[in-house]
């Protein structure tokens, strides 16, 4: 990971700095369906671009025990023996890049040398199969989500999207990242910024 340096064009970046460890919240006018109503935890942001994980989009019908079987980490018969945090772990669509690859955002009580990236405020990212094996054995982190794929931005792209009012941002909140109330994360993130979801909504629905 690149050491933080001054942004080459500070007035274009949010508050003159980078957003590692922050949450991006899509504006209701976001037209890109891949990111509409998304809440993204920014794992890395530098002059070379940005990378983040969408934390409020379920990956459809697949659940974590089934994924462990597919990856041949456990046998199908062992699904019923999994520890509770493996049973309940959410599988999310982390973004449109490398959707066949798994990225685990987790609490900092778990660390693999040369594989785990500490990000900020007790939150880490690990993208190796070893963390999935540890979770299956009950030896993984206390809190975690598994995301398939990630969101990526080219140099300067995220700054431009923020400048064009595509995104709001706020400090990260472990409950917003790891909580099970996936459907409520978007409105909760807006409230955290100080915005009533209904005030910004450009679509029919409950405020």
N, C-alpha and C. Protein backbone atom coordinates (compact mmCIF):
# COMPACT_ATOMS: atom_id res chain seq x y z
N UNK A 1 0.84 -1.19 0.00
CA UNK A 1 0.00 0.00 0.00
C UNK A 1 0.88 1.25 0.00
N UNK A 2 0.49 2.23 -0.76
CA UNK A 2 1.31 3.43 -0.91
C UNK A 2 1.17 4.31 0.32
N UNK A 3 2.28 4.86 0.76
CA UNK A 3 2.22 5.80 1.88
C UNK A 3 1.43 7.03 1.46
N UNK A 4 0.70 7.58 2.40
CA UNK A 4 -0.11 8.75 2.09
C UNK A 4 0.79 9.94 1.77
N UNK A 5 0.41 10.69 0.77
CA UNK A 5 1.13 11.91 0.43
C UNK A 5 0.09 12.98 0.13
N UNK A 6 0.53 14.18 -0.13
CA UNK A 6 -0.43 15.23 -0.44
C UNK A 6 -1.06 14.98 -1.80
N UNK A 7 -2.35 15.21 -1.90
CA UNK A 7 -3.04 15.05 -3.18
C UNK A 7 -2.46 16.03 -4.18
N UNK A 8 -2.26 15.58 -5.44
CA UNK A 8 -1.70 16.48 -6.43
C UNK A 8 -2.62 17.66 -6.71
N UNK A 9 -3.92 17.49 -6.45
CA UNK A 9 -4.87 18.56 -6.70
C UNK A 9 -5.83 18.63 -5.53
N UNK A 10 -5.39 19.17 -4.39
CA UNK A 10 -6.14 19.03 -3.15
C UNK A 10 -7.56 19.53 -3.22
N UNK A 11 -7.81 20.60 -4.00
CA UNK A 11 -9.18 21.14 -3.99
C UNK A 11 -10.16 20.18 -4.65
N UNK A 12 -9.64 19.21 -5.40
CA UNK A 12 -10.54 18.25 -6.04
C UNK A 12 -10.82 17.05 -5.14
N UNK A 13 -10.03 16.84 -4.10
CA UNK A 13 -10.26 15.71 -3.23
C UNK A 13 -11.05 16.17 -2.01
N UNK A 14 -11.74 15.23 -1.41
CA UNK A 14 -12.60 15.58 -0.29
C UNK A 14 -11.77 16.13 0.85
N UNK A 15 -12.06 17.36 1.23
CA UNK A 15 -11.39 18.01 2.35
C UNK A 15 -9.86 17.96 2.23
N UNK A 16 -9.37 17.89 0.97
CA UNK A 16 -7.94 17.95 0.74
C UNK A 16 -7.20 16.69 1.11
N UNK A 17 -7.87 15.61 1.40
CA UNK A 17 -7.18 14.39 1.78
C UNK A 17 -7.77 13.17 1.12
N UNK A 18 -7.24 12.03 1.48
CA UNK A 18 -7.73 10.77 0.93
C UNK A 18 -8.75 10.14 1.88
N UNK A 19 -9.50 9.21 1.35
CA UNK A 19 -10.67 8.70 2.09
C UNK A 19 -10.50 7.26 2.57
N UNK A 20 -9.27 6.76 2.71
CA UNK A 20 -9.11 5.40 3.25
C UNK A 20 -9.85 5.31 4.59
N UNK A 21 -10.56 4.23 4.79
CA UNK A 21 -11.24 4.01 6.06
C UNK A 21 -12.52 4.80 6.23
N UNK A 22 -12.97 5.50 5.18
CA UNK A 22 -14.23 6.25 5.23
C UNK A 22 -15.32 5.47 4.48
N UNK A 23 -16.55 5.90 4.70
CA UNK A 23 -17.67 5.33 3.94
C UNK A 23 -18.09 6.31 2.85
N UNK A 24 -18.26 5.79 1.65
CA UNK A 24 -18.87 6.55 0.56
C UNK A 24 -20.35 6.19 0.51
N UNK A 25 -21.20 7.18 0.36
CA UNK A 25 -22.64 6.95 0.30
C UNK A 25 -23.15 7.55 -1.01
N UNK A 26 -23.74 6.72 -1.86
CA UNK A 26 -24.20 7.19 -3.17
C UNK A 26 -25.32 8.21 -3.01
N UNK A 27 -25.24 9.31 -3.76
CA UNK A 27 -26.34 10.26 -3.80
C UNK A 27 -27.55 9.59 -4.46
N UNK A 28 -28.78 9.96 -4.05
CA UNK A 28 -29.97 9.33 -4.66
C UNK A 28 -30.04 9.54 -6.17
N UNK A 29 -29.36 10.55 -6.70
CA UNK A 29 -29.39 10.78 -8.15
C UNK A 29 -28.38 9.92 -8.90
N UNK A 30 -27.64 9.08 -8.20
CA UNK A 30 -26.65 8.20 -8.85
C UNK A 30 -27.33 7.36 -9.93
N UNK A 31 -26.89 7.52 -11.17
CA UNK A 31 -27.54 6.84 -12.30
C UNK A 31 -26.91 5.49 -12.62
N UNK A 32 -25.68 5.28 -12.18
CA UNK A 32 -25.00 4.01 -12.45
C UNK A 32 -25.64 2.92 -11.58
N UNK A 33 -26.34 1.98 -12.23
CA UNK A 33 -27.08 0.95 -11.47
C UNK A 33 -26.17 0.10 -10.59
N UNK A 34 -24.91 -0.01 -10.97
CA UNK A 34 -23.98 -0.83 -10.17
C UNK A 34 -23.75 -0.22 -8.80
N UNK A 35 -23.97 1.11 -8.68
CA UNK A 35 -23.67 1.78 -7.42
C UNK A 35 -24.86 2.51 -6.81
N UNK A 36 -26.03 2.42 -7.43
CA UNK A 36 -27.20 3.13 -6.90
C UNK A 36 -27.49 2.68 -5.47
N UNK A 37 -27.72 3.63 -4.59
CA UNK A 37 -28.05 3.38 -3.17
C UNK A 37 -26.99 2.52 -2.47
N UNK A 38 -25.75 2.65 -2.89
CA UNK A 38 -24.71 1.83 -2.28
C UNK A 38 -23.97 2.57 -1.17
N UNK A 39 -23.49 1.78 -0.21
CA UNK A 39 -22.60 2.27 0.84
C UNK A 39 -21.30 1.50 0.66
N UNK A 40 -20.19 2.23 0.48
CA UNK A 40 -18.91 1.59 0.15
C UNK A 40 -17.87 1.94 1.20
N UNK A 41 -17.21 0.91 1.72
CA UNK A 41 -16.09 1.15 2.64
C UNK A 41 -14.82 1.28 1.80
N UNK A 42 -14.14 2.41 1.91
CA UNK A 42 -12.95 2.67 1.11
C UNK A 42 -11.74 2.01 1.76
N UNK A 43 -11.17 1.03 1.08
CA UNK A 43 -10.02 0.29 1.63
C UNK A 43 -8.70 0.97 1.30
N UNK A 44 -8.61 1.62 0.15
CA UNK A 44 -7.37 2.29 -0.25
C UNK A 44 -7.72 3.45 -1.15
N UNK A 45 -7.05 4.58 -0.94
CA UNK A 45 -7.28 5.77 -1.77
C UNK A 45 -5.97 6.55 -1.79
N UNK A 46 -5.45 6.76 -2.98
CA UNK A 46 -4.18 7.50 -3.12
C UNK A 46 -4.20 8.19 -4.47
N UNK A 47 -3.07 8.81 -4.83
CA UNK A 47 -2.96 9.45 -6.14
C UNK A 47 -3.08 8.43 -7.27
N UNK A 48 -2.92 7.16 -6.95
CA UNK A 48 -2.99 6.11 -7.97
C UNK A 48 -4.40 5.55 -8.16
N UNK A 49 -5.36 6.06 -7.41
CA UNK A 49 -6.73 5.58 -7.56
C UNK A 49 -7.33 5.15 -6.23
N UNK A 50 -8.44 4.44 -6.30
CA UNK A 50 -9.13 4.02 -5.07
C UNK A 50 -9.75 2.64 -5.24
N UNK A 51 -9.95 1.98 -4.11
CA UNK A 51 -10.56 0.65 -4.10
C UNK A 51 -11.44 0.55 -2.86
N UNK A 52 -12.64 0.00 -3.02
CA UNK A 52 -13.54 -0.13 -1.88
C UNK A 52 -14.46 -1.33 -2.02
N UNK A 53 -15.18 -1.62 -0.95
CA UNK A 53 -16.10 -2.76 -0.89
C UNK A 53 -17.51 -2.25 -0.60
N UNK A 54 -18.47 -2.62 -1.45
CA UNK A 54 -19.87 -2.29 -1.18
C UNK A 54 -20.35 -3.16 -0.01
N UNK A 55 -20.91 -2.53 1.03
CA UNK A 55 -21.27 -3.28 2.24
C UNK A 55 -22.78 -3.45 2.41
N UNK A 56 -23.57 -3.05 1.40
CA UNK A 56 -25.03 -3.16 1.58
C UNK A 56 -25.73 -3.80 0.38
N UNK A 57 -25.03 -4.71 -0.29
CA UNK A 57 -25.67 -5.38 -1.43
C UNK A 57 -25.50 -6.89 -1.32
N UNK A 58 -26.55 -7.63 -0.95
CA UNK A 58 -26.44 -9.09 -0.82
C UNK A 58 -26.09 -9.73 -2.16
N UNK A 59 -25.38 -10.86 -2.08
CA UNK A 59 -24.94 -11.56 -3.29
C UNK A 59 -25.99 -12.55 -3.78
N UNK A 60 -27.26 -12.27 -3.56
CA UNK A 60 -28.30 -13.16 -4.06
C UNK A 60 -28.48 -14.38 -3.17
N UNK A 61 -28.65 -15.52 -3.80
CA UNK A 61 -29.09 -16.70 -3.06
C UNK A 61 -27.95 -17.44 -2.35
N UNK A 62 -26.70 -17.20 -2.74
CA UNK A 62 -25.61 -17.98 -2.15
C UNK A 62 -25.34 -17.55 -0.72
N UNK A 63 -25.12 -18.54 0.15
CA UNK A 63 -24.74 -18.21 1.52
C UNK A 63 -23.33 -18.72 1.81
N UNK A 64 -22.79 -18.33 2.95
CA UNK A 64 -21.39 -18.62 3.25
C UNK A 64 -21.10 -20.12 3.34
N UNK A 65 -21.93 -20.92 4.03
CA UNK A 65 -21.66 -22.37 4.06
C UNK A 65 -21.62 -23.00 2.67
N UNK A 66 -22.53 -22.58 1.78
CA UNK A 66 -22.52 -23.13 0.42
C UNK A 66 -21.25 -22.74 -0.32
N UNK A 67 -20.80 -21.52 -0.08
CA UNK A 67 -19.57 -21.05 -0.72
C UNK A 67 -18.37 -21.87 -0.24
N UNK A 68 -18.32 -22.20 1.04
CA UNK A 68 -17.23 -23.02 1.57
C UNK A 68 -17.21 -24.39 0.90
N UNK A 69 -18.39 -24.94 0.62
CA UNK A 69 -18.48 -26.23 -0.08
C UNK A 69 -17.98 -26.08 -1.52
N UNK A 70 -18.44 -25.02 -2.20
CA UNK A 70 -18.03 -24.78 -3.59
C UNK A 70 -16.52 -24.64 -3.72
N UNK A 71 -15.90 -23.99 -2.73
CA UNK A 71 -14.45 -23.77 -2.76
C UNK A 71 -13.67 -24.97 -2.21
N UNK A 72 -14.41 -26.03 -1.86
CA UNK A 72 -13.83 -27.27 -1.33
C UNK A 72 -13.04 -27.04 -0.04
N UNK A 73 -13.50 -26.05 0.74
CA UNK A 73 -12.89 -25.81 2.06
C UNK A 73 -13.48 -26.78 3.08
N UNK A 74 -14.77 -27.08 2.90
CA UNK A 74 -15.42 -28.10 3.73
C UNK A 74 -16.19 -29.06 2.83
N UNK A 75 -16.49 -30.25 3.35
CA UNK A 75 -17.38 -31.18 2.64
C UNK A 75 -18.82 -30.79 2.90
N UNK A 76 -19.70 -31.14 1.97
CA UNK A 76 -21.11 -30.80 2.10
C UNK A 76 -21.67 -31.29 3.43
N UNK A 77 -21.24 -32.47 3.84
CA UNK A 77 -21.75 -33.06 5.09
C UNK A 77 -21.36 -32.25 6.32
N UNK A 78 -20.29 -31.45 6.18
CA UNK A 78 -19.81 -30.68 7.35
C UNK A 78 -20.51 -29.34 7.52
N UNK A 79 -21.41 -29.00 6.60
CA UNK A 79 -22.09 -27.70 6.70
C UNK A 79 -22.81 -27.53 8.03
N UNK A 80 -23.39 -28.62 8.53
CA UNK A 80 -24.17 -28.52 9.76
C UNK A 80 -23.29 -28.36 11.00
N UNK A 81 -21.98 -28.59 10.85
CA UNK A 81 -21.08 -28.50 12.01
C UNK A 81 -20.38 -27.14 12.11
N UNK A 82 -20.70 -26.22 11.24
CA UNK A 82 -20.00 -24.94 11.24
C UNK A 82 -20.30 -24.12 12.48
N UNK A 83 -19.31 -23.33 12.95
CA UNK A 83 -19.58 -22.44 14.10
C UNK A 83 -20.60 -21.38 13.71
N UNK A 84 -21.22 -20.79 14.74
CA UNK A 84 -22.34 -19.87 14.49
C UNK A 84 -21.94 -18.67 13.63
N UNK A 85 -20.74 -18.10 13.86
CA UNK A 85 -20.40 -16.91 13.08
C UNK A 85 -20.15 -17.24 11.61
N UNK A 86 -19.80 -18.50 11.31
CA UNK A 86 -19.68 -18.92 9.91
C UNK A 86 -21.07 -19.14 9.30
N UNK A 87 -21.97 -19.70 10.09
CA UNK A 87 -23.35 -19.93 9.62
C UNK A 87 -24.02 -18.62 9.23
N UNK A 88 -23.78 -17.58 10.05
CA UNK A 88 -24.52 -16.33 9.86
C UNK A 88 -23.77 -15.30 9.01
N UNK A 89 -22.56 -15.60 8.57
CA UNK A 89 -21.77 -14.61 7.84
C UNK A 89 -22.43 -14.26 6.52
N UNK A 90 -22.51 -12.96 6.23
CA UNK A 90 -23.17 -12.50 5.02
C UNK A 90 -22.21 -12.52 3.84
N UNK A 91 -22.75 -12.91 2.68
CA UNK A 91 -22.00 -12.84 1.42
C UNK A 91 -22.58 -11.68 0.62
N UNK A 92 -21.72 -10.73 0.24
CA UNK A 92 -22.18 -9.52 -0.43
C UNK A 92 -21.58 -9.40 -1.82
N UNK A 93 -22.22 -8.57 -2.65
CA UNK A 93 -21.62 -8.16 -3.92
C UNK A 93 -20.75 -6.95 -3.61
N UNK A 94 -19.44 -7.15 -3.62
CA UNK A 94 -18.54 -6.09 -3.20
C UNK A 94 -18.29 -5.03 -4.25
N UNK A 95 -18.65 -5.33 -5.51
CA UNK A 95 -18.43 -4.38 -6.59
C UNK A 95 -18.26 -5.10 -7.91
N UNK A 96 -18.15 -4.35 -9.01
CA UNK A 96 -18.14 -4.96 -10.34
C UNK A 96 -16.79 -5.48 -10.82
N UNK A 97 -15.71 -5.29 -10.04
CA UNK A 97 -14.38 -5.72 -10.47
C UNK A 97 -14.02 -7.05 -9.79
N UNK A 98 -13.49 -7.99 -10.57
CA UNK A 98 -13.06 -9.30 -10.05
C UNK A 98 -14.15 -9.97 -9.21
N UNK A 99 -15.32 -10.14 -9.80
CA UNK A 99 -16.47 -10.65 -9.05
C UNK A 99 -16.33 -12.12 -8.65
N UNK A 100 -15.36 -12.82 -9.21
CA UNK A 100 -15.14 -14.21 -8.82
C UNK A 100 -14.18 -14.35 -7.65
N UNK A 101 -13.72 -13.23 -7.14
CA UNK A 101 -12.74 -13.27 -6.05
C UNK A 101 -13.36 -12.78 -4.75
N UNK A 102 -13.00 -13.41 -3.65
CA UNK A 102 -13.56 -13.05 -2.36
C UNK A 102 -12.65 -12.12 -1.57
N UNK A 103 -13.26 -11.11 -0.94
CA UNK A 103 -12.54 -10.16 -0.10
C UNK A 103 -13.24 -10.12 1.25
N UNK A 104 -12.50 -10.36 2.31
CA UNK A 104 -13.11 -10.38 3.65
C UNK A 104 -12.72 -9.10 4.38
N UNK A 105 -13.73 -8.28 4.70
CA UNK A 105 -13.54 -7.15 5.61
C UNK A 105 -13.78 -7.68 7.02
N UNK A 106 -12.89 -7.37 7.94
CA UNK A 106 -13.05 -7.99 9.26
C UNK A 106 -12.45 -7.14 10.36
N UNK A 107 -12.81 -7.50 11.59
CA UNK A 107 -12.26 -6.82 12.76
C UNK A 107 -10.78 -7.19 12.90
N UNK A 108 -10.04 -6.35 13.64
CA UNK A 108 -8.58 -6.49 13.68
C UNK A 108 -8.09 -7.54 14.67
N UNK A 109 -9.00 -8.37 15.18
CA UNK A 109 -8.59 -9.44 16.08
C UNK A 109 -8.07 -10.66 15.32
N UNK A 110 -7.95 -10.55 14.00
CA UNK A 110 -7.44 -11.64 13.16
C UNK A 110 -6.43 -11.03 12.19
N UNK A 111 -5.28 -11.68 12.02
CA UNK A 111 -4.24 -11.12 11.16
C UNK A 111 -3.41 -12.24 10.56
N UNK A 112 -3.20 -12.19 9.25
CA UNK A 112 -2.29 -13.13 8.58
C UNK A 112 -1.13 -12.32 8.03
N UNK A 113 0.07 -12.65 8.45
CA UNK A 113 1.26 -11.90 8.01
C UNK A 113 1.35 -11.91 6.48
N UNK A 114 1.63 -10.77 5.91
CA UNK A 114 1.79 -10.58 4.46
C UNK A 114 0.51 -10.79 3.66
N UNK A 115 -0.63 -10.96 4.34
CA UNK A 115 -1.89 -11.14 3.61
C UNK A 115 -2.98 -10.18 4.08
N UNK A 116 -2.92 -9.81 5.35
CA UNK A 116 -3.95 -8.92 5.91
C UNK A 116 -3.50 -7.46 5.81
N UNK A 117 -4.38 -6.62 5.29
CA UNK A 117 -4.10 -5.19 5.17
C UNK A 117 -4.88 -4.44 6.24
N UNK A 118 -4.19 -3.88 7.24
CA UNK A 118 -4.91 -3.04 8.22
C UNK A 118 -5.33 -1.74 7.52
N UNK A 119 -6.56 -1.35 7.69
CA UNK A 119 -7.03 -0.15 7.00
C UNK A 119 -7.18 1.01 7.97
N UNK A 120 -8.11 0.89 8.90
CA UNK A 120 -8.33 2.01 9.81
C UNK A 120 -9.24 1.57 10.95
N UNK A 121 -8.99 2.11 12.13
CA UNK A 121 -9.92 2.00 13.23
C UNK A 121 -10.38 0.58 13.50
N UNK A 122 -9.44 -0.35 13.53
CA UNK A 122 -9.79 -1.73 13.89
C UNK A 122 -10.41 -2.54 12.77
N UNK A 123 -10.28 -2.09 11.52
CA UNK A 123 -10.85 -2.81 10.38
C UNK A 123 -9.74 -3.21 9.42
N UNK A 124 -9.78 -4.46 8.97
CA UNK A 124 -8.74 -5.01 8.09
C UNK A 124 -9.39 -5.67 6.87
N UNK A 125 -8.57 -5.92 5.86
CA UNK A 125 -9.00 -6.61 4.64
C UNK A 125 -8.06 -7.78 4.39
N UNK A 126 -8.63 -8.96 4.19
CA UNK A 126 -7.84 -10.14 3.83
C UNK A 126 -8.51 -10.81 2.64
N UNK A 127 -7.70 -11.16 1.63
CA UNK A 127 -8.28 -11.71 0.40
C UNK A 127 -7.69 -13.08 0.06
N UNK A 128 -7.27 -13.83 1.08
CA UNK A 128 -6.76 -15.18 0.82
C UNK A 128 -7.74 -16.21 1.37
N UNK A 129 -7.62 -17.43 0.87
CA UNK A 129 -8.54 -18.49 1.28
C UNK A 129 -8.29 -18.89 2.74
N UNK A 130 -7.11 -18.55 3.27
CA UNK A 130 -6.79 -18.94 4.66
C UNK A 130 -7.77 -18.37 5.66
N UNK A 131 -8.25 -17.16 5.43
CA UNK A 131 -9.20 -16.57 6.38
C UNK A 131 -10.54 -17.31 6.34
N UNK A 132 -10.92 -17.81 5.16
CA UNK A 132 -12.17 -18.58 5.07
C UNK A 132 -12.03 -19.90 5.82
N UNK A 133 -10.86 -20.51 5.71
CA UNK A 133 -10.61 -21.76 6.46
C UNK A 133 -10.66 -21.50 7.96
N UNK A 134 -10.08 -20.36 8.38
CA UNK A 134 -10.08 -20.03 9.82
C UNK A 134 -11.50 -19.82 10.32
N UNK A 135 -12.32 -19.10 9.53
CA UNK A 135 -13.71 -18.85 9.94
C UNK A 135 -14.48 -20.17 10.03
N UNK A 136 -14.23 -21.07 9.08
CA UNK A 136 -14.91 -22.38 9.09
C UNK A 136 -14.56 -23.20 10.32
N UNK A 137 -13.36 -22.97 10.87
CA UNK A 137 -12.92 -23.71 12.07
C UNK A 137 -13.28 -22.99 13.36
N UNK A 138 -13.88 -21.79 13.24
CA UNK A 138 -14.20 -21.02 14.44
C UNK A 138 -13.02 -20.23 14.96
N UNK A 139 -11.97 -20.11 14.14
CA UNK A 139 -10.75 -19.41 14.59
C UNK A 139 -10.57 -18.07 13.86
N UNK A 140 -11.60 -17.60 13.20
CA UNK A 140 -11.51 -16.37 12.43
C UNK A 140 -11.79 -15.13 13.27
N UNK A 141 -11.96 -13.99 12.61
CA UNK A 141 -12.25 -12.73 13.32
C UNK A 141 -13.63 -12.75 13.94
N UNK A 142 -13.81 -11.91 14.95
CA UNK A 142 -15.11 -11.84 15.63
C UNK A 142 -16.19 -11.31 14.69
N UNK A 143 -15.84 -10.29 13.88
CA UNK A 143 -16.82 -9.69 12.96
C UNK A 143 -16.23 -9.70 11.56
N UNK A 144 -17.03 -10.09 10.59
CA UNK A 144 -16.53 -10.15 9.21
C UNK A 144 -17.68 -10.20 8.23
N UNK A 145 -17.42 -9.71 7.02
CA UNK A 145 -18.30 -9.93 5.88
C UNK A 145 -17.44 -10.39 4.71
N UNK A 146 -18.01 -11.24 3.88
CA UNK A 146 -17.32 -11.69 2.68
C UNK A 146 -17.95 -11.00 1.48
N UNK A 147 -17.13 -10.31 0.70
CA UNK A 147 -17.61 -9.63 -0.50
C UNK A 147 -17.02 -10.29 -1.74
N UNK A 148 -17.86 -10.50 -2.74
CA UNK A 148 -17.39 -11.00 -4.02
C UNK A 148 -17.19 -9.80 -4.94
N UNK A 149 -15.92 -9.55 -5.31
CA UNK A 149 -15.62 -8.39 -6.14
C UNK A 149 -15.40 -7.14 -5.33
N UNK A 150 -15.00 -6.07 -6.03
CA UNK A 150 -14.77 -4.78 -5.36
C UNK A 150 -15.06 -3.65 -6.34
N UNK A 151 -15.09 -2.45 -5.81
CA UNK A 151 -15.26 -1.25 -6.64
C UNK A 151 -13.90 -0.58 -6.79
N UNK A 152 -13.57 -0.17 -8.01
CA UNK A 152 -12.27 0.45 -8.25
C UNK A 152 -12.41 1.75 -9.04
N UNK A 153 -11.51 2.68 -8.77
CA UNK A 153 -11.50 3.97 -9.47
C UNK A 153 -10.10 4.26 -9.98
N UNK A 154 -9.99 4.80 -11.17
CA UNK A 154 -8.72 5.21 -11.75
C UNK A 154 -8.22 6.47 -11.03
N UNK A 155 -6.95 6.86 -11.24
CA UNK A 155 -6.43 8.09 -10.60
C UNK A 155 -7.34 9.30 -10.87
N UNK A 156 -7.72 9.98 -9.80
CA UNK A 156 -8.54 11.18 -9.93
C UNK A 156 -10.02 10.96 -10.18
N UNK A 157 -10.41 9.72 -10.49
CA UNK A 157 -11.82 9.46 -10.86
C UNK A 157 -12.76 9.65 -9.68
N UNK A 158 -12.38 9.13 -8.52
CA UNK A 158 -13.27 9.26 -7.36
C UNK A 158 -13.40 10.73 -6.96
N UNK A 159 -12.29 11.47 -6.99
CA UNK A 159 -12.35 12.90 -6.65
C UNK A 159 -13.33 13.63 -7.58
N UNK A 160 -13.27 13.28 -8.87
CA UNK A 160 -14.17 13.92 -9.84
C UNK A 160 -15.62 13.57 -9.57
N UNK A 161 -15.89 12.30 -9.22
CA UNK A 161 -17.26 11.87 -8.95
C UNK A 161 -17.81 12.55 -7.70
N UNK A 162 -16.95 12.76 -6.70
CA UNK A 162 -17.38 13.48 -5.50
C UNK A 162 -17.68 14.94 -5.84
N UNK A 163 -16.81 15.52 -6.65
CA UNK A 163 -16.98 16.92 -7.04
C UNK A 163 -18.28 17.12 -7.83
N UNK A 164 -18.66 16.09 -8.59
CA UNK A 164 -19.89 16.16 -9.39
C UNK A 164 -21.11 15.68 -8.60
N UNK A 165 -20.95 15.61 -7.27
CA UNK A 165 -22.06 15.24 -6.37
C UNK A 165 -22.57 13.82 -6.57
N UNK A 166 -21.67 12.92 -6.95
CA UNK A 166 -22.07 11.52 -7.05
C UNK A 166 -22.06 10.82 -5.70
N UNK A 167 -21.18 11.29 -4.80
CA UNK A 167 -21.00 10.62 -3.51
C UNK A 167 -20.96 11.61 -2.35
N UNK A 168 -21.49 11.17 -1.23
CA UNK A 168 -21.25 11.80 0.06
C UNK A 168 -20.26 10.89 0.80
N UNK A 169 -19.67 11.38 1.88
CA UNK A 169 -18.79 10.49 2.64
C UNK A 169 -18.87 10.84 4.11
N UNK A 170 -18.57 9.83 4.93
CA UNK A 170 -18.60 10.03 6.38
C UNK A 170 -17.64 9.04 7.03
N UNK A 171 -17.40 9.23 8.31
CA UNK A 171 -16.53 8.32 9.05
C UNK A 171 -17.14 6.92 9.06
N UNK A 172 -16.30 5.93 9.05
CA UNK A 172 -16.77 4.54 9.07
C UNK A 172 -17.37 4.19 10.42
N UNK A 173 -18.25 3.24 10.41
CA UNK A 173 -18.95 2.80 11.61
C UNK A 173 -19.01 1.27 11.53
N UNK A 174 -18.37 0.55 12.47
CA UNK A 174 -18.36 -0.92 12.39
C UNK A 174 -19.75 -1.53 12.23
N UNK A 175 -20.76 -0.94 12.87
CA UNK A 175 -22.11 -1.50 12.74
C UNK A 175 -22.66 -1.32 11.33
N UNK A 176 -22.28 -0.22 10.67
CA UNK A 176 -22.71 -0.04 9.28
C UNK A 176 -21.98 -1.01 8.36
N UNK A 177 -20.76 -1.36 8.70
CA UNK A 177 -19.99 -2.28 7.86
C UNK A 177 -20.44 -3.72 8.09
N UNK A 178 -20.50 -4.13 9.35
CA UNK A 178 -20.71 -5.55 9.67
C UNK A 178 -22.14 -5.92 10.03
N UNK A 179 -23.01 -4.93 10.24
CA UNK A 179 -24.37 -5.23 10.70
C UNK A 179 -25.17 -6.09 9.73
N UNK A 180 -26.12 -6.82 10.26
CA UNK A 180 -26.96 -7.70 9.43
C UNK A 180 -28.12 -6.99 8.76
N UNK A 181 -28.38 -5.75 9.16
CA UNK A 181 -29.53 -5.01 8.62
C UNK A 181 -29.16 -4.37 7.28
N UNK A 182 -28.83 -5.22 6.31
CA UNK A 182 -28.27 -4.73 5.04
C UNK A 182 -29.22 -3.75 4.34
N UNK A 183 -30.51 -4.02 4.40
CA UNK A 183 -31.48 -3.16 3.69
C UNK A 183 -31.54 -1.76 4.30
N UNK A 184 -31.19 -1.62 5.57
CA UNK A 184 -31.29 -0.31 6.24
C UNK A 184 -29.98 0.49 6.21
N UNK A 185 -28.91 -0.10 5.71
CA UNK A 185 -27.61 0.57 5.81
C UNK A 185 -27.58 1.89 5.04
N UNK A 186 -28.25 1.95 3.90
CA UNK A 186 -28.20 3.18 3.10
C UNK A 186 -28.85 4.34 3.85
N UNK A 187 -30.06 4.12 4.36
CA UNK A 187 -30.73 5.21 5.07
C UNK A 187 -30.00 5.55 6.37
N UNK A 188 -29.42 4.55 7.03
CA UNK A 188 -28.66 4.82 8.26
C UNK A 188 -27.41 5.64 7.96
N UNK A 189 -26.76 5.36 6.83
CA UNK A 189 -25.57 6.12 6.46
C UNK A 189 -25.93 7.57 6.15
N UNK A 190 -27.05 7.79 5.47
CA UNK A 190 -27.49 9.17 5.20
C UNK A 190 -27.78 9.90 6.51
N UNK A 191 -28.44 9.22 7.44
CA UNK A 191 -28.73 9.84 8.74
C UNK A 191 -27.45 10.18 9.49
N UNK A 192 -26.44 9.32 9.35
CA UNK A 192 -25.15 9.57 10.01
C UNK A 192 -24.52 10.86 9.48
N UNK A 193 -24.74 11.14 8.20
CA UNK A 193 -24.23 12.37 7.59
C UNK A 193 -25.09 13.57 8.00
N UNK A 194 -26.31 13.27 8.48
CA UNK A 194 -27.21 14.34 8.89
C UNK A 194 -28.29 14.64 7.88
N UNK A 195 -28.58 13.66 7.03
CA UNK A 195 -29.57 13.85 5.98
C UNK A 195 -30.72 12.87 6.18
N UNK A 196 -31.94 13.41 6.21
CA UNK A 196 -33.12 12.54 6.24
C UNK A 196 -33.27 11.94 4.85
N UNK A 197 -33.30 10.59 4.73
CA UNK A 197 -33.37 9.98 3.40
C UNK A 197 -34.48 10.54 2.52
N UNK A 198 -35.62 10.85 3.11
CA UNK A 198 -36.75 11.36 2.32
C UNK A 198 -36.49 12.74 1.72
N UNK A 199 -35.61 13.51 2.36
CA UNK A 199 -35.33 14.86 1.86
C UNK A 199 -34.60 14.82 0.52
N UNK A 200 -33.80 13.76 0.31
CA UNK A 200 -33.00 13.68 -0.91
C UNK A 200 -33.63 12.80 -1.97
N UNK A 201 -34.62 12.03 -1.59
CA UNK A 201 -35.12 10.99 -2.49
C UNK A 201 -35.69 11.59 -3.76
N UNK A 202 -35.31 10.98 -4.88
CA UNK A 202 -35.88 11.40 -6.16
C UNK A 202 -36.73 10.28 -6.74
N UNK A 203 -37.18 9.39 -5.86
CA UNK A 203 -37.99 8.28 -6.34
C UNK A 203 -39.12 8.04 -5.35
N UNK A 204 -40.14 7.39 -5.81
CA UNK A 204 -41.26 7.06 -4.94
C UNK A 204 -40.80 6.05 -3.90
N UNK A 205 -41.32 6.14 -2.71
CA UNK A 205 -40.92 5.19 -1.67
C UNK A 205 -41.12 5.82 -0.31
N UNK A 206 -40.83 5.06 0.74
CA UNK A 206 -41.06 5.58 2.07
C UNK A 206 -39.90 6.46 2.49
N UNK A 207 -40.23 7.55 3.09
CA UNK A 207 -39.20 8.48 3.58
C UNK A 207 -38.68 7.99 4.91
